Amino acid sequence: MKKTTKQIEIVPSGNLYKWSKNFKRVQDRFFNNQYKLRRLQQIEDFIYLNNFNKIYHEYDVDLELEVSTVESKSDADLILITHQGYSRYPLSGIIDKINQWLEDCPSLYLCLNRHYLNIDNKKVDIDLPNDYLPAITSWLSQSLPNTTVIDISRNYVDNGKYFTWVCPDRHYYIKKI
């Protein structure tokens, strides 16, 4: 076996979850015809049907939504969060972030990825349903007492075909009371 004289450099991989930014483009090539994921159409329909006109959108994957956006949260009539990173926050961090957003704008459309929630496995000191999906909604409602939390998610068993790595699967409309 020959020894190499070439200098080898090991480069740390950094944040591995950022591959999702490119995967949307890969996913789009899975289909020949023009299409839109139901989850993305649901967001656009919600915005249109509820007459929101100025959307502040925080994302990590460009979802190519057809909505009117603004540069500042304080100029928005709805804050839309599809960024996967917030689902990885500790549970108390998610609640703190929601409260910050609601200080800037009283209406929030929040998308969370169920697979990342409670990633640090903290115990929650409230009564929650045994079923995971209703438990997420119950946790949000109990943790945000001065808001209305409406779950507008589709409930399904995730077998990997729903592209939750592009747009998170749990959708909530949260309004400050």
N, C-alpha and C. Protein backbone atom coordinates (compact mmCIF):
# COMPACT_ATOMS: atom_id res chain seq x y z
N MET A 1 0.84 -1.17 0.00
CA MET A 1 0.00 0.00 0.00
C MET A 1 0.89 1.24 0.00
N LYS A 2 0.56 2.17 -0.86
CA LYS A 2 1.33 3.41 -0.98
C LYS A 2 0.87 4.43 0.04
N LYS A 3 1.81 5.11 0.64
CA LYS A 3 1.48 6.23 1.52
C LYS A 3 1.36 7.48 0.67
N THR A 4 0.39 8.28 1.02
CA THR A 4 0.20 9.52 0.27
C THR A 4 1.05 10.63 0.89
N THR A 5 1.53 11.49 0.07
CA THR A 5 2.27 12.65 0.55
C THR A 5 1.39 13.89 0.53
N LYS A 6 0.21 13.72 0.01
CA LYS A 6 -0.73 14.83 -0.07
C LYS A 6 -1.22 15.19 1.33
N GLN A 7 -1.26 16.49 1.61
CA GLN A 7 -1.76 16.97 2.90
C GLN A 7 -3.28 16.80 2.94
N ILE A 8 -3.80 16.18 3.97
CA ILE A 8 -5.24 15.96 4.12
C ILE A 8 -5.76 16.91 5.20
N GLU A 9 -6.81 17.61 4.86
CA GLU A 9 -7.43 18.54 5.81
C GLU A 9 -8.83 18.06 6.15
N ILE A 10 -9.11 17.94 7.43
CA ILE A 10 -10.45 17.54 7.89
C ILE A 10 -11.20 18.81 8.24
N VAL A 11 -12.33 19.01 7.56
CA VAL A 11 -13.13 20.21 7.75
C VAL A 11 -14.38 19.82 8.52
N PRO A 12 -14.65 20.48 9.67
CA PRO A 12 -15.89 20.17 10.41
C PRO A 12 -17.12 20.43 9.55
N SER A 13 -18.15 19.62 9.75
CA SER A 13 -19.34 19.68 8.89
C SER A 13 -20.24 20.86 9.19
N GLY A 14 -20.15 21.45 10.37
CA GLY A 14 -21.04 22.58 10.68
C GLY A 14 -22.44 22.10 10.99
N ASN A 15 -23.42 22.89 10.63
CA ASN A 15 -24.81 22.55 10.92
C ASN A 15 -25.37 21.63 9.84
N LEU A 16 -25.54 20.38 10.19
CA LEU A 16 -25.99 19.40 9.21
C LEU A 16 -27.43 19.62 8.76
N TYR A 17 -28.26 20.27 9.59
CA TYR A 17 -29.66 20.44 9.22
C TYR A 17 -29.85 21.41 8.06
N LYS A 18 -28.83 22.15 7.68
CA LYS A 18 -28.98 23.14 6.61
C LYS A 18 -29.16 22.50 5.22
N TRP A 19 -29.02 21.20 5.13
CA TRP A 19 -29.23 20.54 3.85
C TRP A 19 -30.66 20.74 3.35
N SER A 20 -31.59 21.04 4.27
CA SER A 20 -32.99 21.22 3.86
C SER A 20 -33.15 22.39 2.90
N LYS A 21 -32.24 23.39 2.96
CA LYS A 21 -32.33 24.52 2.04
C LYS A 21 -32.24 24.06 0.60
N ASN A 22 -31.42 23.08 0.34
CA ASN A 22 -31.26 22.56 -1.02
C ASN A 22 -32.28 21.49 -1.34
N PHE A 23 -32.79 20.82 -0.32
CA PHE A 23 -33.66 19.69 -0.58
C PHE A 23 -34.98 20.12 -1.21
N LYS A 24 -35.44 21.33 -0.95
CA LYS A 24 -36.68 21.81 -1.59
C LYS A 24 -36.53 21.76 -3.10
N ARG A 25 -35.37 22.19 -3.61
CA ARG A 25 -35.15 22.14 -5.06
C ARG A 25 -35.09 20.69 -5.55
N VAL A 26 -34.48 19.82 -4.78
CA VAL A 26 -34.43 18.40 -5.15
C VAL A 26 -35.85 17.82 -5.17
N GLN A 27 -36.61 18.15 -4.13
CA GLN A 27 -37.99 17.67 -4.04
C GLN A 27 -38.82 18.13 -5.22
N ASP A 28 -38.67 19.39 -5.62
CA ASP A 28 -39.43 19.92 -6.75
C ASP A 28 -39.18 19.13 -8.02
N ARG A 29 -38.01 18.57 -8.17
CA ARG A 29 -37.69 17.80 -9.37
C ARG A 29 -38.26 16.39 -9.36
N PHE A 30 -38.88 15.98 -8.23
CA PHE A 30 -39.51 14.66 -8.16
C PHE A 30 -40.73 14.58 -9.07
N PHE A 31 -41.29 15.73 -9.43
CA PHE A 31 -42.55 15.77 -10.15
C PHE A 31 -42.36 16.49 -11.47
N ASN A 32 -43.03 15.98 -12.51
CA ASN A 32 -42.94 16.60 -13.83
C ASN A 32 -43.85 17.81 -13.96
N ASN A 33 -45.04 17.71 -13.38
CA ASN A 33 -46.03 18.77 -13.52
C ASN A 33 -45.85 19.83 -12.45
N GLN A 34 -46.44 20.99 -12.73
CA GLN A 34 -46.47 22.05 -11.73
C GLN A 34 -47.35 21.58 -10.58
N TYR A 35 -46.92 21.74 -9.38
CA TYR A 35 -47.68 21.31 -8.21
C TYR A 35 -47.34 22.23 -7.05
N LYS A 36 -48.10 22.11 -6.00
CA LYS A 36 -47.79 22.81 -4.76
C LYS A 36 -48.14 21.87 -3.62
N LEU A 37 -47.26 21.78 -2.64
CA LEU A 37 -47.56 20.97 -1.47
C LEU A 37 -48.81 21.50 -0.79
N ARG A 38 -49.66 20.61 -0.33
CA ARG A 38 -50.91 21.00 0.32
C ARG A 38 -50.64 21.94 1.49
N ARG A 39 -49.57 21.68 2.23
CA ARG A 39 -49.22 22.49 3.38
C ARG A 39 -48.92 23.94 2.97
N LEU A 40 -48.27 24.12 1.83
CA LEU A 40 -47.96 25.46 1.35
C LEU A 40 -49.21 26.16 0.85
N GLN A 41 -50.08 25.42 0.16
CA GLN A 41 -51.34 25.99 -0.30
C GLN A 41 -52.21 26.39 0.89
N GLN A 42 -52.16 25.60 1.96
CA GLN A 42 -52.91 25.90 3.18
C GLN A 42 -52.48 27.24 3.75
N ILE A 43 -51.18 27.50 3.77
CA ILE A 43 -50.68 28.78 4.29
C ILE A 43 -51.19 29.94 3.44
N GLU A 44 -51.05 29.81 2.12
CA GLU A 44 -51.51 30.87 1.22
C GLU A 44 -53.01 31.09 1.35
N ASP A 45 -53.79 30.02 1.43
CA ASP A 45 -55.24 30.15 1.57
C ASP A 45 -55.61 30.83 2.89
N PHE A 46 -54.93 30.47 3.97
CA PHE A 46 -55.21 31.08 5.27
C PHE A 46 -54.97 32.59 5.19
N ILE A 47 -53.85 32.98 4.61
CA ILE A 47 -53.52 34.39 4.50
C ILE A 47 -54.56 35.12 3.65
N TYR A 48 -54.91 34.55 2.51
CA TYR A 48 -55.87 35.17 1.59
C TYR A 48 -57.27 35.24 2.22
N LEU A 49 -57.74 34.13 2.78
CA LEU A 49 -59.10 34.07 3.30
C LEU A 49 -59.30 34.92 4.56
N ASN A 50 -58.21 35.22 5.26
CA ASN A 50 -58.31 36.04 6.47
C ASN A 50 -57.85 37.47 6.24
N ASN A 51 -57.69 37.84 4.98
CA ASN A 51 -57.37 39.21 4.57
C ASN A 51 -56.10 39.79 5.19
N PHE A 52 -55.09 38.96 5.34
CA PHE A 52 -53.79 39.47 5.77
C PHE A 52 -53.07 39.96 4.52
N ASN A 53 -52.53 41.18 4.59
CA ASN A 53 -51.91 41.78 3.42
C ASN A 53 -50.43 42.07 3.57
N LYS A 54 -49.95 42.15 4.81
CA LYS A 54 -48.55 42.48 5.06
C LYS A 54 -47.96 41.37 5.94
N ILE A 55 -47.21 40.51 5.32
CA ILE A 55 -46.68 39.32 6.00
C ILE A 55 -45.19 39.48 6.25
N TYR A 56 -44.79 39.26 7.49
CA TYR A 56 -43.37 39.16 7.79
C TYR A 56 -43.08 37.66 7.87
N HIS A 57 -42.20 37.15 7.01
CA HIS A 57 -41.96 35.72 6.91
C HIS A 57 -40.53 35.40 7.31
N GLU A 58 -40.38 34.56 8.34
CA GLU A 58 -39.07 34.05 8.74
C GLU A 58 -38.98 32.60 8.31
N TYR A 59 -37.95 32.28 7.53
CA TYR A 59 -37.83 30.93 6.98
C TYR A 59 -36.37 30.56 6.83
N ASP A 60 -36.12 29.26 6.73
CA ASP A 60 -34.79 28.77 6.39
C ASP A 60 -34.79 28.13 5.01
N VAL A 61 -35.95 27.75 4.52
CA VAL A 61 -36.11 27.20 3.18
C VAL A 61 -37.06 28.13 2.42
N ASP A 62 -36.65 28.58 1.25
CA ASP A 62 -37.53 29.44 0.45
C ASP A 62 -38.68 28.60 -0.08
N LEU A 63 -39.86 28.82 0.44
CA LEU A 63 -41.03 28.03 0.07
C LEU A 63 -41.74 28.56 -1.16
N GLU A 64 -41.27 29.69 -1.68
CA GLU A 64 -41.85 30.31 -2.87
C GLU A 64 -43.34 30.56 -2.71
N LEU A 65 -43.71 31.07 -1.53
CA LEU A 65 -45.11 31.40 -1.26
C LEU A 65 -45.49 32.66 -2.02
N GLU A 66 -46.71 32.70 -2.47
CA GLU A 66 -47.22 33.86 -3.20
C GLU A 66 -47.99 34.75 -2.23
N VAL A 67 -47.22 35.48 -1.38
CA VAL A 67 -47.81 36.38 -0.39
C VAL A 67 -47.03 37.69 -0.41
N SER A 68 -47.69 38.76 0.03
CA SER A 68 -47.06 40.07 0.10
C SER A 68 -46.29 40.19 1.41
N THR A 69 -44.98 40.37 1.31
CA THR A 69 -44.17 40.42 2.52
C THR A 69 -43.70 41.85 2.81
N VAL A 70 -43.36 42.06 4.08
CA VAL A 70 -42.78 43.32 4.54
C VAL A 70 -41.45 43.01 5.22
N GLU A 71 -40.61 44.02 5.36
CA GLU A 71 -39.27 43.84 5.91
C GLU A 71 -39.23 43.83 7.44
N SER A 72 -40.23 44.42 8.08
CA SER A 72 -40.21 44.59 9.53
C SER A 72 -41.40 43.90 10.18
N LYS A 73 -41.15 43.24 11.31
CA LYS A 73 -42.24 42.59 12.05
C LYS A 73 -43.29 43.61 12.50
N SER A 74 -42.83 44.79 12.88
CA SER A 74 -43.77 45.80 13.39
C SER A 74 -44.67 46.37 12.29
N ASP A 75 -44.30 46.20 11.01
CA ASP A 75 -45.14 46.66 9.89
C ASP A 75 -46.12 45.58 9.44
N ALA A 76 -46.02 44.39 9.99
CA ALA A 76 -46.81 43.24 9.52
C ALA A 76 -48.17 43.18 10.19
N ASP A 77 -49.14 42.61 9.47
CA ASP A 77 -50.40 42.27 10.11
C ASP A 77 -50.45 40.78 10.45
N LEU A 78 -49.43 40.03 9.99
CA LEU A 78 -49.27 38.62 10.35
C LEU A 78 -47.79 38.27 10.28
N ILE A 79 -47.29 37.61 11.33
CA ILE A 79 -45.94 37.05 11.29
C ILE A 79 -46.08 35.58 10.94
N LEU A 80 -45.38 35.17 9.91
CA LEU A 80 -45.39 33.78 9.44
C LEU A 80 -44.02 33.17 9.74
N ILE A 81 -44.01 32.10 10.52
CA ILE A 81 -42.76 31.43 10.88
C ILE A 81 -42.79 30.01 10.32
N THR A 82 -41.91 29.76 9.35
CA THR A 82 -41.75 28.41 8.82
C THR A 82 -40.33 27.90 9.04
N HIS A 83 -39.52 28.68 9.73
CA HIS A 83 -38.12 28.33 9.99
C HIS A 83 -38.06 27.11 10.91
N GLN A 84 -37.39 26.05 10.45
CA GLN A 84 -37.29 24.81 11.21
C GLN A 84 -36.54 24.97 12.52
N GLY A 85 -35.61 25.91 12.58
CA GLY A 85 -34.76 26.06 13.75
C GLY A 85 -35.50 26.31 15.04
N TYR A 86 -36.64 26.99 14.98
CA TYR A 86 -37.37 27.30 16.21
C TYR A 86 -37.95 26.05 16.86
N SER A 87 -38.20 25.01 16.09
CA SER A 87 -38.71 23.76 16.65
C SER A 87 -37.66 23.06 17.50
N ARG A 88 -36.40 23.42 17.32
CA ARG A 88 -35.31 22.81 18.08
C ARG A 88 -35.02 23.54 19.39
N TYR A 89 -35.67 24.68 19.60
CA TYR A 89 -35.47 25.41 20.86
C TYR A 89 -35.99 24.57 22.02
N PRO A 90 -35.47 24.80 23.23
CA PRO A 90 -36.12 24.18 24.40
C PRO A 90 -37.57 24.68 24.47
N LEU A 91 -38.45 23.93 25.10
CA LEU A 91 -39.86 24.30 25.13
C LEU A 91 -40.07 25.71 25.70
N SER A 92 -39.36 26.04 26.75
CA SER A 92 -39.50 27.39 27.32
C SER A 92 -39.00 28.44 26.34
N GLY A 93 -37.98 28.11 25.54
CA GLY A 93 -37.47 29.03 24.54
C GLY A 93 -38.46 29.29 23.43
N ILE A 94 -39.21 28.26 23.05
CA ILE A 94 -40.25 28.42 22.02
C ILE A 94 -41.32 29.39 22.52
N ILE A 95 -41.75 29.20 23.77
CA ILE A 95 -42.79 30.07 24.34
C ILE A 95 -42.27 31.50 24.44
N ASP A 96 -41.03 31.68 24.89
CA ASP A 96 -40.44 33.02 24.98
C ASP A 96 -40.41 33.69 23.61
N LYS A 97 -40.02 32.93 22.59
CA LYS A 97 -39.94 33.48 21.23
C LYS A 97 -41.34 33.87 20.71
N ILE A 98 -42.33 33.03 20.97
CA ILE A 98 -43.71 33.35 20.55
C ILE A 98 -44.15 34.66 21.21
N ASN A 99 -43.88 34.81 22.49
CA ASN A 99 -44.26 36.04 23.19
C ASN A 99 -43.55 37.26 22.60
N GLN A 100 -42.30 37.11 22.19
CA GLN A 100 -41.58 38.21 21.54
C GLN A 100 -42.25 38.58 20.22
N TRP A 101 -42.59 37.57 19.41
CA TRP A 101 -43.25 37.85 18.14
C TRP A 101 -44.57 38.57 18.35
N LEU A 102 -45.33 38.12 19.35
CA LEU A 102 -46.64 38.71 19.61
C LEU A 102 -46.53 40.13 20.14
N GLU A 103 -45.39 40.52 20.68
CA GLU A 103 -45.17 41.91 21.07
C GLU A 103 -45.06 42.81 19.83
N ASP A 104 -44.49 42.26 18.74
CA ASP A 104 -44.34 43.02 17.50
C ASP A 104 -45.62 43.03 16.67
N CYS A 105 -46.37 41.95 16.73
CA CYS A 105 -47.58 41.81 15.90
C CYS A 105 -48.54 40.87 16.63
N PRO A 106 -49.81 41.21 16.75
CA PRO A 106 -50.74 40.38 17.53
C PRO A 106 -51.19 39.08 16.85
N SER A 107 -50.80 38.86 15.60
CA SER A 107 -51.21 37.65 14.88
C SER A 107 -49.99 36.89 14.38
N LEU A 108 -49.98 35.59 14.66
CA LEU A 108 -48.83 34.75 14.33
C LEU A 108 -49.31 33.45 13.69
N TYR A 109 -48.72 33.09 12.57
CA TYR A 109 -48.93 31.78 11.96
C TYR A 109 -47.61 31.04 12.17
N LEU A 110 -47.64 30.04 13.05
CA LEU A 110 -46.43 29.34 13.46
C LEU A 110 -46.44 27.90 12.97
N CYS A 111 -45.37 27.52 12.29
CA CYS A 111 -45.20 26.15 11.85
C CYS A 111 -44.08 25.51 12.68
N LEU A 112 -44.39 24.40 13.31
CA LEU A 112 -43.42 23.67 14.12
C LEU A 112 -43.26 22.26 13.56
N ASN A 113 -42.06 21.73 13.64
CA ASN A 113 -41.81 20.36 13.21
C ASN A 113 -41.92 19.44 14.42
N ARG A 114 -42.92 18.57 14.42
CA ARG A 114 -43.19 17.70 15.56
C ARG A 114 -42.00 16.83 15.92
N HIS A 115 -41.15 16.52 14.96
CA HIS A 115 -40.02 15.63 15.21
C HIS A 115 -38.90 16.29 15.98
N TYR A 116 -38.89 17.61 16.05
CA TYR A 116 -37.84 18.33 16.77
C TYR A 116 -38.29 18.83 18.13
N LEU A 117 -39.58 18.90 18.38
CA LEU A 117 -40.09 19.47 19.63
C LEU A 117 -39.60 18.69 20.83
N ASN A 118 -39.26 19.41 21.87
CA ASN A 118 -38.72 18.85 23.12
C ASN A 118 -37.49 18.00 22.85
N ILE A 119 -36.63 18.52 21.99
CA ILE A 119 -35.42 17.81 21.60
C ILE A 119 -34.48 17.59 22.78
N ASP A 120 -34.60 18.45 23.82
CA ASP A 120 -33.76 18.30 25.00
C ASP A 120 -34.43 17.45 26.09
N ASN A 121 -35.63 16.92 25.80
CA ASN A 121 -36.35 15.97 26.66
C ASN A 121 -36.65 16.52 28.06
N LYS A 122 -37.03 17.80 28.12
CA LYS A 122 -37.40 18.40 29.40
C LYS A 122 -38.78 17.92 29.81
N LYS A 123 -38.98 17.78 31.11
CA LYS A 123 -40.29 17.42 31.64
C LYS A 123 -41.18 18.67 31.64
N VAL A 124 -42.41 18.49 31.26
CA VAL A 124 -43.38 19.58 31.24
C VAL A 124 -44.32 19.37 32.41
N ASP A 125 -44.47 20.40 33.23
CA ASP A 125 -45.25 20.28 34.46
C ASP A 125 -46.71 20.70 34.26
N ILE A 126 -47.33 20.17 33.21
CA ILE A 126 -48.76 20.41 32.98
C ILE A 126 -49.37 19.10 32.50
N ASP A 127 -50.68 18.99 32.66
CA ASP A 127 -51.36 17.78 32.19
C ASP A 127 -51.55 17.85 30.69
N LEU A 128 -51.07 16.83 30.01
CA LEU A 128 -51.17 16.78 28.55
C LEU A 128 -51.83 15.48 28.13
N PRO A 129 -52.51 15.49 26.98
CA PRO A 129 -53.07 14.25 26.46
C PRO A 129 -51.95 13.24 26.15
N ASN A 130 -52.29 11.98 26.15
CA ASN A 130 -51.31 10.94 25.83
C ASN A 130 -50.92 10.93 24.36
N ASP A 131 -51.83 11.36 23.50
CA ASP A 131 -51.56 11.43 22.06
C ASP A 131 -50.68 12.65 21.79
N TYR A 132 -49.56 12.44 21.12
CA TYR A 132 -48.55 13.47 20.94
C TYR A 132 -49.05 14.72 20.22
N LEU A 133 -49.81 14.56 19.16
CA LEU A 133 -50.24 15.73 18.38
C LEU A 133 -51.19 16.64 19.17
N PRO A 134 -52.24 16.12 19.81
CA PRO A 134 -53.05 17.00 20.67
C PRO A 134 -52.26 17.54 21.86
N ALA A 135 -51.26 16.81 22.31
CA ALA A 135 -50.44 17.28 23.44
C ALA A 135 -49.67 18.54 23.06
N ILE A 136 -49.22 18.64 21.82
CA ILE A 136 -48.50 19.83 21.37
C ILE A 136 -49.43 21.05 21.46
N THR A 137 -50.65 20.90 20.96
CA THR A 137 -51.62 21.99 21.00
C THR A 137 -51.97 22.35 22.44
N SER A 138 -52.18 21.37 23.27
CA SER A 138 -52.50 21.61 24.68
C SER A 138 -51.36 22.34 25.38
N TRP A 139 -50.13 21.91 25.12
CA TRP A 139 -48.96 22.57 25.70
C TRP A 139 -48.90 24.04 25.29
N LEU A 140 -49.11 24.34 23.99
CA LEU A 140 -49.10 25.72 23.54
C LEU A 140 -50.21 26.53 24.21
N SER A 141 -51.42 25.99 24.23
CA SER A 141 -52.56 26.71 24.82
C SER A 141 -52.34 27.01 26.29
N GLN A 142 -51.85 26.03 27.04
CA GLN A 142 -51.63 26.22 28.47
C GLN A 142 -50.44 27.15 28.75
N SER A 143 -49.46 27.16 27.87
CA SER A 143 -48.26 27.97 28.07
C SER A 143 -48.45 29.41 27.61
N LEU A 144 -49.50 29.67 26.83
CA LEU A 144 -49.78 31.01 26.30
C LEU A 144 -51.18 31.45 26.73
N PRO A 145 -51.37 31.74 28.03
CA PRO A 145 -52.73 31.99 28.54
C PRO A 145 -53.41 33.24 27.98
N ASN A 146 -52.67 34.21 27.50
CA ASN A 146 -53.27 35.45 26.99
C ASN A 146 -53.40 35.44 25.47
N THR A 147 -53.57 34.26 24.92
CA THR A 147 -53.70 34.12 23.48
C THR A 147 -54.81 33.13 23.15
N THR A 148 -55.21 33.18 21.90
CA THR A 148 -56.05 32.13 21.33
C THR A 148 -55.14 31.30 20.43
N VAL A 149 -55.10 30.00 20.67
CA VAL A 149 -54.27 29.09 19.88
C VAL A 149 -55.20 28.18 19.09
N ILE A 150 -55.10 28.25 17.77
CA ILE A 150 -55.93 27.42 16.90
C ILE A 150 -55.02 26.48 16.12
N ASP A 151 -55.25 25.20 16.28
CA ASP A 151 -54.48 24.18 15.56
C ASP A 151 -55.09 24.01 14.18
N ILE A 152 -54.34 24.34 13.14
CA ILE A 152 -54.83 24.17 11.77
C ILE A 152 -53.97 23.16 11.02
N SER A 153 -53.40 22.23 11.78
CA SER A 153 -52.55 21.18 11.21
C SER A 153 -53.41 20.05 10.67
N ARG A 154 -52.81 19.28 9.79
CA ARG A 154 -53.42 18.03 9.34
C ARG A 154 -52.79 16.93 10.17
N ASN A 155 -53.60 16.09 10.77
CA ASN A 155 -53.07 14.99 11.58
C ASN A 155 -52.90 13.76 10.69
N TYR A 156 -51.74 13.19 10.73
CA TYR A 156 -51.46 11.99 9.96
C TYR A 156 -50.28 11.27 10.60
N VAL A 157 -50.16 10.00 10.28
CA VAL A 157 -49.00 9.23 10.71
C VAL A 157 -47.89 9.55 9.71
N ASP A 158 -46.78 10.04 10.21
CA ASP A 158 -45.69 10.46 9.32
C ASP A 158 -44.83 9.25 8.98
N ASN A 159 -44.84 8.89 7.71
CA ASN A 159 -44.03 7.77 7.24
C ASN A 159 -42.91 8.25 6.32
N GLY A 160 -42.65 9.55 6.34
CA GLY A 160 -41.55 10.11 5.57
C GLY A 160 -41.92 10.68 4.22
N LYS A 161 -43.16 10.52 3.79
CA LYS A 161 -43.53 10.99 2.45
C LYS A 161 -44.15 12.39 2.44
N TYR A 162 -44.21 13.05 3.60
CA TYR A 162 -44.90 14.34 3.68
C TYR A 162 -43.96 15.54 3.64
N PHE A 163 -42.67 15.35 3.44
CA PHE A 163 -41.71 16.44 3.26
C PHE A 163 -41.70 17.42 4.44
N THR A 164 -41.74 16.91 5.67
CA THR A 164 -41.73 17.79 6.83
C THR A 164 -40.38 18.49 6.99
N TRP A 165 -39.38 18.08 6.27
CA TRP A 165 -38.07 18.74 6.34
C TRP A 165 -38.06 20.02 5.50
N VAL A 166 -39.06 20.23 4.68
CA VAL A 166 -39.14 21.45 3.87
C VAL A 166 -40.04 22.47 4.56
N CYS A 167 -41.23 22.07 4.94
CA CYS A 167 -42.15 22.95 5.68
C CYS A 167 -42.65 22.17 6.89
N PRO A 168 -42.46 22.69 8.09
CA PRO A 168 -42.89 21.95 9.29
C PRO A 168 -44.36 21.57 9.22
N ASP A 169 -44.72 20.47 9.89
CA ASP A 169 -46.05 19.89 9.74
C ASP A 169 -47.11 20.41 10.72
N ARG A 170 -46.73 20.98 11.85
CA ARG A 170 -47.71 21.47 12.81
C ARG A 170 -47.94 22.96 12.58
N HIS A 171 -49.17 23.32 12.27
CA HIS A 171 -49.51 24.71 11.93
C HIS A 171 -50.47 25.27 12.98
N TYR A 172 -50.12 26.47 13.47
CA TYR A 172 -50.93 27.11 14.51
C TYR A 172 -51.13 28.58 14.17
N TYR A 173 -52.36 29.01 14.36
CA TYR A 173 -52.66 30.43 14.33
C TYR A 173 -52.77 30.86 15.78
N ILE A 174 -51.94 31.81 16.16
CA ILE A 174 -51.90 32.28 17.55
C ILE A 174 -52.20 33.77 17.52
N LYS A 175 -53.21 34.15 18.27
CA LYS A 175 -53.63 35.57 18.30
C LYS A 175 -53.61 36.06 19.74
N LYS A 176 -53.03 37.21 19.91
CA LYS A 176 -52.97 37.85 21.22
C LYS A 176 -54.36 38.35 21.59
N ILE A 177 -54.78 38.09 22.81
CA ILE A 177 -56.11 38.55 23.26
C ILE A 177 -55.97 39.94 23.84
